[in-house]
Amino acid sequence: MSETVRLEVRAHVAWLTLDRPPLNVFDIPTNRALAAHVRALAPRPEIRVVALTGAGAAFSAGVQIEDHAPERVAQMLAAFHDVFRALIELGRPTVAVVRGAALGGGCELVAFCDAAIASESSTFGLPEIGLGCFPPVAALVLPSVVGAHRAAELLFGGETIDARRAEAIGLVNAVAPEAGFEVAAGAFVERFARHSGAALGLAHEALRPAALGGRTPDAFLAELARVETIYLERLMATRDAQEGIAAWSEKRAPRWEDR
């Protein structure tokens, strides 16, 4: 599989590490590799927990902006959302282990995991609104993680928050100092992985609808398909979505037309 995603299994935990320096941005091949790795873990009963993390100075700065171009956006969205479909199919607890920036799609992945631990240097945000876009997965799951009002603030405002604020609103479970973060993260994940894999799987099945906004997995996937249609057929047809991406490419402020 792609070298941009590394797998290591330690003590019943599968560690999946995004390794696409400098910011572990999701391009289409990386999305496909991550989904393939997750699906390859499903038939392995010895895997009790899956931990997702990033190499280097960032968790992930999100989906590659260039992949929002009209000729690639549908392919990009399908590949990125397939990661979340694979995580639903996996049926095991997932933990985001975050150091550095978790922005855009990276923040969506954190919100979708069952639990998260972050280093003190970590930052979180959904800047898509500044590109004339919105994050589909976050729109569906973030209200159940942090509450509807805080989700609206993050989605509509596009600002970045620090790790302590992320902990205060419930986006992450715990924040640990930079010194010894790997040890703290390993201990956090081990709190889950020391228990019965069968019990963890069934507890995950019981809890998952609540994390998906009260939806069954099938209902969530149907909603995700609906939101994908809004994104591709309506949002990408607006002048502002085209302007936002063009402004980013040209390193200038966008000039919104509100249509």
C-alpha atoms as a PDB file:
ATOM      1  CA  MET A   1       0.000   0.000   0.000  1.00  0.00           C
ATOM      2  CA  SER A   2       0.972   3.672  -0.251  1.00  0.00           C
ATOM      3  CA  GLU A   3       3.969   4.791   1.764  1.00  0.00           C
ATOM      4  CA  THR A   4       1.962   7.833   2.887  1.00  0.00           C
ATOM      5  CA  VAL A   5       0.122   5.629   5.400  1.00  0.00           C
ATOM      6  CA  ARG A   6       2.116   3.387   7.734  1.00  0.00           C
ATOM      7  CA  LEU A   7       0.738   0.518   9.807  1.00  0.00           C
ATOM      8  CA  GLU A   8       2.241  -0.800  13.023  1.00  0.00           C
ATOM      9  CA  VAL A   9       0.510  -3.283  15.354  1.00  0.00           C
ATOM     10  CA  ARG A  10       1.462  -3.149  19.035  1.00  0.00           C
ATOM     11  CA  ALA A  11      -0.326  -4.948  21.860  1.00  0.00           C
ATOM     12  CA  HIS A  12      -3.699  -5.347  20.108  1.00  0.00           C
ATOM     13  CA  VAL A  13      -3.598  -1.767  18.763  1.00  0.00           C
ATOM     14  CA  ALA A  14      -3.236  -0.973  15.063  1.00  0.00           C
ATOM     15  CA  TRP A  15      -1.432   2.354  14.713  1.00  0.00           C
ATOM     16  CA  LEU A  16      -2.135   4.014  11.365  1.00  0.00           C
ATOM     17  CA  THR A  17       0.208   6.939  10.768  1.00  0.00           C
ATOM     18  CA  LEU A  18      -0.278   9.547   8.053  1.00  0.00           C
ATOM     19  CA  ASP A  19       3.176  10.237   6.648  1.00  0.00           C
ATOM     20  CA  ARG A  20       2.976  12.812   3.869  1.00  0.00           C
ATOM     21  CA  PRO A  21       5.251  15.665   4.947  1.00  0.00           C
ATOM     22  CA  PRO A  22       5.159  18.410   5.827  1.00  0.00           C
ATOM     23  CA  LEU A  23       1.473  18.576   6.894  1.00  0.00           C
ATOM     24  CA  ASN A  24       0.065  15.122   6.045  1.00  0.00           C
ATOM     25  CA  VAL A  25      -2.428  16.611   3.595  1.00  0.00           C
ATOM     26  CA  PHE A  26      -4.930  14.106   2.180  1.00  0.00           C
ATOM     27  CA  ASP A  27      -4.550  13.673  -1.554  1.00  0.00           C
ATOM     28  CA  ILE A  28      -6.607  11.087  -3.452  1.00  0.00           C
ATOM     29  CA  PRO A  29      -3.988   8.273  -3.257  1.00  0.00           C
ATOM     30  CA  THR A  30      -3.564   8.838   0.499  1.00  0.00           C
ATOM     31  CA  ASN A  31      -7.328   8.674   1.042  1.00  0.00           C
ATOM     32  CA  ARG A  32      -7.473   5.412  -0.870  1.00  0.00           C
ATOM     33  CA  ALA A  33      -4.508   3.976   1.017  1.00  0.00           C
ATOM     34  CA  LEU A  34      -6.004   4.868   4.408  1.00  0.00           C
ATOM     35  CA  ALA A  35      -9.369   3.296   3.529  1.00  0.00           C
ATOM     36  CA  ALA A  36      -7.600   0.164   2.259  1.00  0.00           C
ATOM     37  CA  HIS A  37      -5.554  -0.140   5.452  1.00  0.00           C
ATOM     38  CA  VAL A  38      -8.681   0.180   7.599  1.00  0.00           C
ATOM     39  CA  ARG A  39     -10.519  -2.468   5.592  1.00  0.00           C
ATOM     40  CA  ALA A  40      -7.533  -4.824   5.809  1.00  0.00           C
ATOM     41  CA  LEU A  41      -7.782  -4.653   9.623  1.00  0.00           C
ATOM     42  CA  ALA A  42     -11.453  -5.679   9.766  1.00  0.00           C
ATOM     43  CA  PRO A  43     -10.889  -9.475   9.499  1.00  0.00           C
ATOM     44  CA  ARG A  44      -8.124  -9.466  12.138  1.00  0.00           C
ATOM     45  CA  PRO A  45      -9.734 -10.312  15.506  1.00  0.00           C
ATOM     46  CA  GLU A  46      -6.531  -9.598  17.422  1.00  0.00           C
ATOM     47  CA  ILE A  47      -6.940  -5.883  16.613  1.00  0.00           C
ATOM     48  CA  ARG A  48      -9.002  -4.406  19.424  1.00  0.00           C
ATOM     49  CA  VAL A  49      -8.451  -0.677  18.839  1.00  0.00           C
ATOM     50  CA  VAL A  50      -7.277   1.439  15.899  1.00  0.00           C
ATOM     51  CA  ALA A  51      -5.250   4.586  16.626  1.00  0.00           C
ATOM     52  CA  LEU A  52      -4.874   7.227  13.922  1.00  0.00           C
ATOM     53  CA  THR A  53      -2.023   9.714  14.096  1.00  0.00           C
ATOM     54  CA  GLY A  54       0.262  11.862  11.976  1.00  0.00           C
ATOM     55  CA  ALA A  55       4.017  11.825  11.512  1.00  0.00           C
ATOM     56  CA  GLY A  56       6.073  14.936  12.142  1.00  0.00           C
ATOM     57  CA  ALA A  57       4.671  18.312  13.126  1.00  0.00           C
ATOM     58  CA  ALA A  58       1.015  17.848  12.134  1.00  0.00           C
ATOM     59  CA  PHE A  59      -1.859  15.411  12.428  1.00  0.00           C
ATOM     60  CA  SER A  60      -3.293  16.537   9.085  1.00  0.00           C
ATOM     61  CA  ALA A  61      -3.950  19.931   7.533  1.00  0.00           C
ATOM     62  CA  GLY A  62      -6.869  18.475   5.588  1.00  0.00           C
ATOM     63  CA  VAL A  63      -7.709  17.615   2.003  1.00  0.00           C
ATOM     64  CA  GLN A  64      -5.439  18.885  -0.761  1.00  0.00           C
ATOM     65  CA  ILE A  65      -6.897  22.156  -2.056  1.00  0.00           C
ATOM     66  CA  GLU A  66      -5.948  21.371  -5.651  1.00  0.00           C
ATOM     67  CA  ASP A  67      -8.253  18.343  -5.501  1.00  0.00           C
ATOM     68  CA  HIS A  68     -11.208  20.727  -5.188  1.00  0.00           C
ATOM     69  CA  ALA A  69     -10.750  21.654  -8.848  1.00  0.00           C
ATOM     70  CA  PRO A  70     -13.878  20.899 -10.949  1.00  0.00           C
ATOM     71  CA  GLU A  71     -12.266  17.994 -12.784  1.00  0.00           C
ATOM     72  CA  ARG A  72     -11.185  16.274  -9.531  1.00  0.00           C
ATOM     73  CA  VAL A  73     -13.635  17.289  -6.815  1.00  0.00           C
ATOM     74  CA  ALA A  74     -16.027  14.340  -7.260  1.00  0.00           C
ATOM     75  CA  GLN A  75     -13.157  11.868  -7.195  1.00  0.00           C
ATOM     76  CA  MET A  76     -11.672  13.605  -4.169  1.00  0.00           C
ATOM     77  CA  LEU A  77     -14.914  13.597  -2.206  1.00  0.00           C
ATOM     78  CA  ALA A  78     -15.574   9.926  -2.995  1.00  0.00           C
ATOM     79  CA  ALA A  79     -12.072   8.889  -1.922  1.00  0.00           C
ATOM     80  CA  PHE A  80     -12.087  10.955   1.278  1.00  0.00           C
ATOM     81  CA  HIS A  81     -15.546   9.863   2.366  1.00  0.00           C
ATOM     82  CA  ASP A  82     -14.633   6.246   1.690  1.00  0.00           C
ATOM     83  CA  VAL A  83     -12.277   6.528   4.672  1.00  0.00           C
ATOM     84  CA  PHE A  84     -15.299   7.147   6.901  1.00  0.00           C
ATOM     85  CA  ARG A  85     -17.251   4.333   5.276  1.00  0.00           C
ATOM     86  CA  ALA A  86     -14.323   2.009   6.011  1.00  0.00           C
ATOM     87  CA  LEU A  87     -14.219   3.149   9.649  1.00  0.00           C
ATOM     88  CA  ILE A  88     -17.937   2.400  10.007  1.00  0.00           C
ATOM     89  CA  GLU A  89     -17.421  -1.067   8.501  1.00  0.00           C
ATOM     90  CA  LEU A  90     -14.463  -1.706  10.829  1.00  0.00           C
ATOM     91  CA  GLY A  91     -16.665  -1.898  13.923  1.00  0.00           C
ATOM     92  CA  ARG A  92     -13.834  -1.267  16.427  1.00  0.00           C
ATOM     93  CA  PRO A  93     -13.077   1.665  18.702  1.00  0.00           C
ATOM     94  CA  THR A  94     -10.932   4.347  17.054  1.00  0.00           C
ATOM     95  CA  VAL A  95      -8.723   6.906  18.774  1.00  0.00           C
ATOM     96  CA  ALA A  96      -7.238  10.037  17.199  1.00  0.00           C
ATOM     97  CA  VAL A  97      -3.768  10.795  18.571  1.00  0.00           C
ATOM     98  CA  VAL A  98      -3.139  14.421  17.634  1.00  0.00           C
ATOM     99  CA  ARG A  99       0.041  16.469  17.636  1.00  0.00           C
ATOM    100  CA  GLY A 100       0.105  19.750  15.746  1.00  0.00           C
ATOM    101  CA  ALA A 101      -2.514  20.916  13.267  1.00  0.00           C
ATOM    102  CA  ALA A 102      -5.768  19.013  12.728  1.00  0.00           C
ATOM    103  CA  LEU A 103      -7.508  21.204  10.183  1.00  0.00           C
ATOM    104  CA  GLY A 104     -10.292  20.670   7.659  1.00  0.00           C
ATOM    105  CA  GLY A 105     -10.445  16.987   6.827  1.00  0.00           C
ATOM    106  CA  GLY A 106      -7.982  16.308   9.631  1.00  0.00           C
ATOM    107  CA  CYS A 107     -10.385  17.852  12.130  1.00  0.00           C
ATOM    108  CA  GLU A 108     -13.258  15.871  10.606  1.00  0.00           C
ATOM    109  CA  LEU A 109     -11.300  12.662  11.174  1.00  0.00           C
ATOM    110  CA  VAL A 110     -10.720  13.607  14.826  1.00  0.00           C
ATOM    111  CA  ALA A 111     -14.433  14.322  15.314  1.00  0.00           C
ATOM    112  CA  PHE A 112     -15.377  11.008  13.700  1.00  0.00           C
ATOM    113  CA  CYS A 113     -13.109   8.911  15.930  1.00  0.00           C
ATOM    114  CA  ASP A 114     -14.581   7.533  19.140  1.00  0.00           C
ATOM    115  CA  ALA A 115     -12.032   9.319  21.336  1.00  0.00           C
ATOM    116  CA  ALA A 116      -9.064  11.652  20.976  1.00  0.00           C
ATOM    117  CA  ILE A 117      -5.982  12.772  22.868  1.00  0.00           C
ATOM    118  CA  ALA A 118      -3.996  15.847  21.833  1.00  0.00           C
ATOM    119  CA  SER A 119      -0.656  17.400  22.659  1.00  0.00           C
ATOM    120  CA  GLU A 120      -0.585  20.925  24.060  1.00  0.00           C
ATOM    121  CA  SER A 121       0.648  22.295  20.722  1.00  0.00           C
ATOM    122  CA  SER A 122      -2.303  20.915  18.785  1.00  0.00           C
ATOM    123  CA  THR A 123      -4.714  23.165  16.924  1.00  0.00           C
ATOM    124  CA  PHE A 124      -8.105  22.394  15.417  1.00  0.00           C
ATOM    125  CA  GLY A 125     -10.275  24.102  12.866  1.00  0.00           C
ATOM    126  CA  LEU A 126     -12.576  23.874   9.880  1.00  0.00           C
ATOM    127  CA  PRO A 127     -11.365  26.642   7.522  1.00  0.00           C
ATOM    128  CA  GLU A 128     -13.389  25.451   4.507  1.00  0.00           C
ATOM    129  CA  ILE A 129     -15.877  28.321   4.805  1.00  0.00           C
ATOM    130  CA  GLY A 130     -13.041  30.684   3.884  1.00  0.00           C
ATOM    131  CA  LEU A 131     -12.745  28.837   0.580  1.00  0.00           C
ATOM    132  CA  GLY A 132     -16.452  29.159  -0.118  1.00  0.00           C
ATOM    133  CA  CYS A 133     -16.999  25.513   0.893  1.00  0.00           C
ATOM    134  CA  PHE A 134     -18.095  23.491   3.925  1.00  0.00           C
ATOM    135  CA  PRO A 135     -16.950  20.175   5.472  1.00  0.00           C
ATOM    136  CA  PRO A 136     -19.653  17.518   4.843  1.00  0.00           C
ATOM    137  CA  VAL A 137     -18.648  14.947   7.488  1.00  0.00           C
ATOM    138  CA  ALA A 138     -18.249  17.614  10.166  1.00  0.00           C
ATOM    139  CA  ALA A 139     -21.680  19.005   9.311  1.00  0.00           C
ATOM    140  CA  LEU A 140     -23.158  15.594  10.120  1.00  0.00           C
ATOM    141  CA  VAL A 141     -21.164  14.440  13.165  1.00  0.00           C
ATOM    142  CA  LEU A 142     -19.842  17.541  14.905  1.00  0.00           C
ATOM    143  CA  PRO A 143     -23.160  18.566  16.541  1.00  0.00           C
ATOM    144  CA  SER A 144     -23.281  15.223  18.369  1.00  0.00           C
ATOM    145  CA  VAL A 145     -19.666  15.655  19.519  1.00  0.00           C
ATOM    146  CA  VAL A 146     -19.561  19.292  20.671  1.00  0.00           C
ATOM    147  CA  GLY A 147     -23.207  20.435  20.510  1.00  0.00           C
ATOM    148  CA  ALA A 148     -25.080  22.254  17.779  1.00  0.00           C
ATOM    149  CA  HIS A 149     -24.088  25.800  18.773  1.00  0.00           C
ATOM    150  CA  ARG A 150     -20.382  25.077  19.043  1.00  0.00           C
ATOM    151  CA  ALA A 151     -20.503  23.085  15.805  1.00  0.00           C
ATOM    152  CA  ALA A 152     -22.086  26.100  14.094  1.00  0.00           C
ATOM    153  CA  GLU A 153     -19.348  28.346  15.489  1.00  0.00           C
ATOM    154  CA  LEU A 154     -16.617  26.095  14.114  1.00  0.00           C
ATOM    155  CA  LEU A 155     -18.264  25.526  10.716  1.00  0.00           C
ATOM    156  CA  PHE A 156     -19.516  29.072  10.094  1.00  0.00           C
ATOM    157  CA  GLY A 157     -16.597  30.948  11.663  1.00  0.00           C
ATOM    158  CA  GLY A 158     -13.697  28.939  10.293  1.00  0.00           C
ATOM    159  CA  GLU A 159     -11.417  29.958  13.178  1.00  0.00           C
ATOM    160  CA  THR A 160      -8.727  27.744  14.660  1.00  0.00           C
ATOM    161  CA  ILE A 161      -8.878  26.729  18.336  1.00  0.00           C
ATOM    162  CA  ASP A 162      -6.140  25.437  20.609  1.00  0.00           C
ATOM    163  CA  ALA A 163      -5.987  22.088  22.354  1.00  0.00           C
ATOM    164  CA  ARG A 164      -7.374  23.326  25.670  1.00  0.00           C
ATOM    165  CA  ARG A 165     -10.394  24.854  23.971  1.00  0.00           C
ATOM    166  CA  ALA A 166     -10.883  21.612  22.013  1.00  0.00           C
ATOM    167  CA  GLU A 167     -10.857  19.715  25.302  1.00  0.00           C
ATOM    168  CA  ALA A 168     -13.273  22.155  26.928  1.00  0.00           C
ATOM    169  CA  ILE A 169     -15.886  21.736  24.179  1.00  0.00           C
ATOM    170  CA  GLY A 170     -15.479  17.945  23.986  1.00  0.00           C
ATOM    171  CA  LEU A 171     -13.694  17.638  20.652  1.00  0.00           C
ATOM    172  CA  VAL A 172     -10.847  15.816  22.407  1.00  0.00           C
ATOM    173  CA  ASN A 173     -10.936  13.806  25.626  1.00  0.00           C
ATOM    174  CA  ALA A 174      -7.555  14.785  27.022  1.00  0.00           C
ATOM    175  CA  VAL A 175      -4.560  17.070  26.478  1.00  0.00           C
ATOM    176  CA  ALA A 176      -1.042  15.987  27.410  1.00  0.00           C
ATOM    177  CA  PRO A 177       2.257  17.896  27.588  1.00  0.00           C
ATOM    178  CA  GLU A 178       4.621  17.785  24.623  1.00  0.00           C
ATOM    179  CA  ALA A 179       7.292  16.123  26.752  1.00  0.00           C
ATOM    180  CA  GLY A 180       6.352  12.465  26.987  1.00  0.00           C
ATOM    181  CA  PHE A 181       3.333  12.796  24.717  1.00  0.00           C
ATOM    182  CA  GLU A 182       3.953   9.430  23.035  1.00  0.00           C
ATOM    183  CA  VAL A 183       3.897   7.714  26.431  1.00  0.00           C
ATOM    184  CA  ALA A 184       0.721   9.526  27.486  1.00  0.00           C
ATOM    185  CA  ALA A 185      -0.982   8.708  24.184  1.00  0.00           C
ATOM    186  CA  GLY A 186       0.009   5.054  24.427  1.00  0.00           C
ATOM    187  CA  ALA A 187      -1.402   4.849  27.954  1.00  0.00           C
ATOM    188  CA  PHE A 188      -4.642   6.518  26.815  1.00  0.00           C
ATOM    189  CA  VAL A 189      -5.133   3.988  24.011  1.00  0.00           C
ATOM    190  CA  GLU A 190      -4.157   1.089  26.289  1.00  0.00           C
ATOM    191  CA  ARG A 191      -7.076   1.965  28.594  1.00  0.00           C
ATOM    192  CA  PHE A 192      -9.315   0.594  25.830  1.00  0.00           C
ATOM    193  CA  ALA A 193      -7.082  -2.071  24.291  1.00  0.00           C
ATOM    194  CA  ARG A 194      -6.600  -4.027  27.532  1.00  0.00           C
ATOM    195  CA  HIS A 195     -10.226  -5.156  27.446  1.00  0.00           C
ATOM    196  CA  SER A 196     -11.986  -7.924  25.519  1.00  0.00           C
ATOM    197  CA  GLY A 197     -12.047  -7.323  21.785  1.00  0.00           C
ATOM    198  CA  ALA A 198     -15.471  -8.963  21.554  1.00  0.00           C
ATOM    199  CA  ALA A 199     -16.901  -6.717  24.272  1.00  0.00           C
ATOM    200  CA  LEU A 200     -15.294  -3.621  22.758  1.00  0.00           C
ATOM    201  CA  GLY A 201     -16.758  -4.412  19.360  1.00  0.00           C
ATOM    202  CA  LEU A 202     -20.269  -4.860  20.711  1.00  0.00           C
ATOM    203  CA  ALA A 203     -19.999  -1.782  22.930  1.00  0.00           C
ATOM    204  CA  HIS A 204     -18.880   0.166  19.863  1.00  0.00           C
ATOM    205  CA  GLU A 205     -21.886  -1.126  17.912  1.00  0.00           C
ATOM    206  CA  ALA A 206     -24.195  -0.029  20.728  1.00  0.00           C
ATOM    207  CA  LEU A 207     -22.642   3.436  21.067  1.00  0.00           C
ATOM    208  CA  ARG A 208     -22.087   4.299  17.408  1.00  0.00           C
ATOM    209  CA  PRO A 209     -25.574   5.588  16.526  1.00  0.00           C
ATOM    210  CA  ALA A 210     -25.292   8.239  19.256  1.00  0.00           C
ATOM    211  CA  ALA A 211     -21.960   9.390  17.842  1.00  0.00           C
ATOM    212  CA  LEU A 212     -23.540   9.567  14.386  1.00  0.00           C
ATOM    213  CA  GLY A 213     -26.178  12.013  15.558  1.00  0.00           C
ATOM    214  CA  GLY A 214     -28.725   9.377  16.497  1.00  0.00           C
ATOM    215  CA  ARG A 215     -28.475   7.701  13.097  1.00  0.00           C
ATOM    216  CA  THR A 216     -27.798   4.051  12.378  1.00  0.00           C
ATOM    217  CA  PRO A 217     -24.700   3.531  10.222  1.00  0.00           C
ATOM    218  CA  ASP A 218     -26.904   2.915   7.174  1.00  0.00           C
ATOM    219  CA  ALA A 219     -28.879   6.092   7.859  1.00  0.00           C
ATOM    220  CA  PHE A 220     -25.652   8.048   8.308  1.00  0.00           C
ATOM    221  CA  LEU A 221     -24.307   6.828   4.971  1.00  0.00           C
ATOM    222  CA  ALA A 222     -27.579   7.817   3.308  1.00  0.00           C
ATOM    223  CA  GLU A 223     -27.268  11.297   4.843  1.00  0.00           C
ATOM    224  CA  LEU A 224     -23.644  11.501   3.726  1.00  0.00           C
ATOM    225  CA  ALA A 225     -24.732  10.711   0.162  1.00  0.00           C
ATOM    226  CA  ARG A 226     -27.354  13.465   0.390  1.00  0.00           C
ATOM    227  CA  VAL A 227     -24.788  15.986   1.605  1.00  0.00           C
ATOM    228  CA  GLU A 228     -22.345  14.904  -1.123  1.00  0.00           C
ATOM    229  CA  THR A 229     -25.040  15.766  -3.675  1.00  0.00           C
ATOM    230  CA  ILE A 230     -25.477  19.215  -2.130  1.00  0.00           C
ATOM    231  CA  TYR A 231     -21.714  19.714  -2.212  1.00  0.00           C
ATOM    232  CA  LEU A 232     -21.113  18.549  -5.768  1.00  0.00           C
ATOM    233  CA  GLU A 233     -24.253  19.697  -7.562  1.00  0.00           C
ATOM    234  CA  ARG A 234     -25.067  22.921  -5.738  1.00  0.00           C
ATOM    235  CA  LEU A 235     -22.056  24.216  -3.810  1.00  0.00           C
ATOM    236  CA  MET A 236     -19.515  23.543  -6.563  1.00  0.00           C
ATOM    237  CA  ALA A 237     -21.818  25.292  -9.037  1.00  0.00           C
ATOM    238  CA  THR A 238     -21.688  28.567  -7.087  1.00  0.00           C
ATOM    239  CA  ARG A 239     -19.402  31.372  -8.159  1.00  0.00           C
ATOM    240  CA  ASP A 240     -18.206  31.762  -4.577  1.00  0.00           C
ATOM    241  CA  ALA A 241     -16.846  28.200  -4.379  1.00  0.00           C
ATOM    242  CA  GLN A 242     -14.917  28.806  -7.595  1.00  0.00           C
ATOM    243  CA  GLU A 243     -13.745  32.190  -6.312  1.00  0.00           C
ATOM    244  CA  GLY A 244     -12.613  30.806  -2.952  1.00  0.00           C
ATOM    245  CA  ILE A 245     -10.397  28.184  -4.524  1.00  0.00           C
ATOM    246  CA  ALA A 246      -9.063  30.660  -7.094  1.00  0.00           C
ATOM    247  CA  ALA A 247      -8.267  33.181  -4.349  1.00  0.00           C
ATOM    248  CA  TRP A 248      -6.367  30.551  -2.374  1.00  0.00           C
ATOM    249  CA  SER A 249      -4.357  29.592  -5.453  1.00  0.00           C
ATOM    250  CA  GLU A 250      -3.586  33.228  -6.214  1.00  0.00           C
ATOM    251  CA  LYS A 251      -2.805  34.038  -2.551  1.00  0.00           C
ATOM    252  CA  ARG A 252      -5.325  36.882  -2.290  1.00  0.00           C
ATOM    253  CA  ALA A 253      -8.493  37.668  -0.368  1.00  0.00           C
ATOM    254  CA  PRO A 254     -11.649  36.254  -1.968  1.00  0.00           C
ATOM    255  CA  ARG A 255     -14.193  38.601  -3.526  1.00  0.00           C
ATOM    256  CA  TRP A 256     -17.543  37.047  -2.650  1.00  0.00           C
ATOM    257  CA  GLU A 257     -20.589  37.514  -4.879  1.00  0.00           C
ATOM    258  CA  ASP A 258     -22.915  35.607  -2.513  1.00  0.00           C
ATOM    259  CA  ARG A 259     -24.082  33.321  -5.299  1.00  0.00           C
END
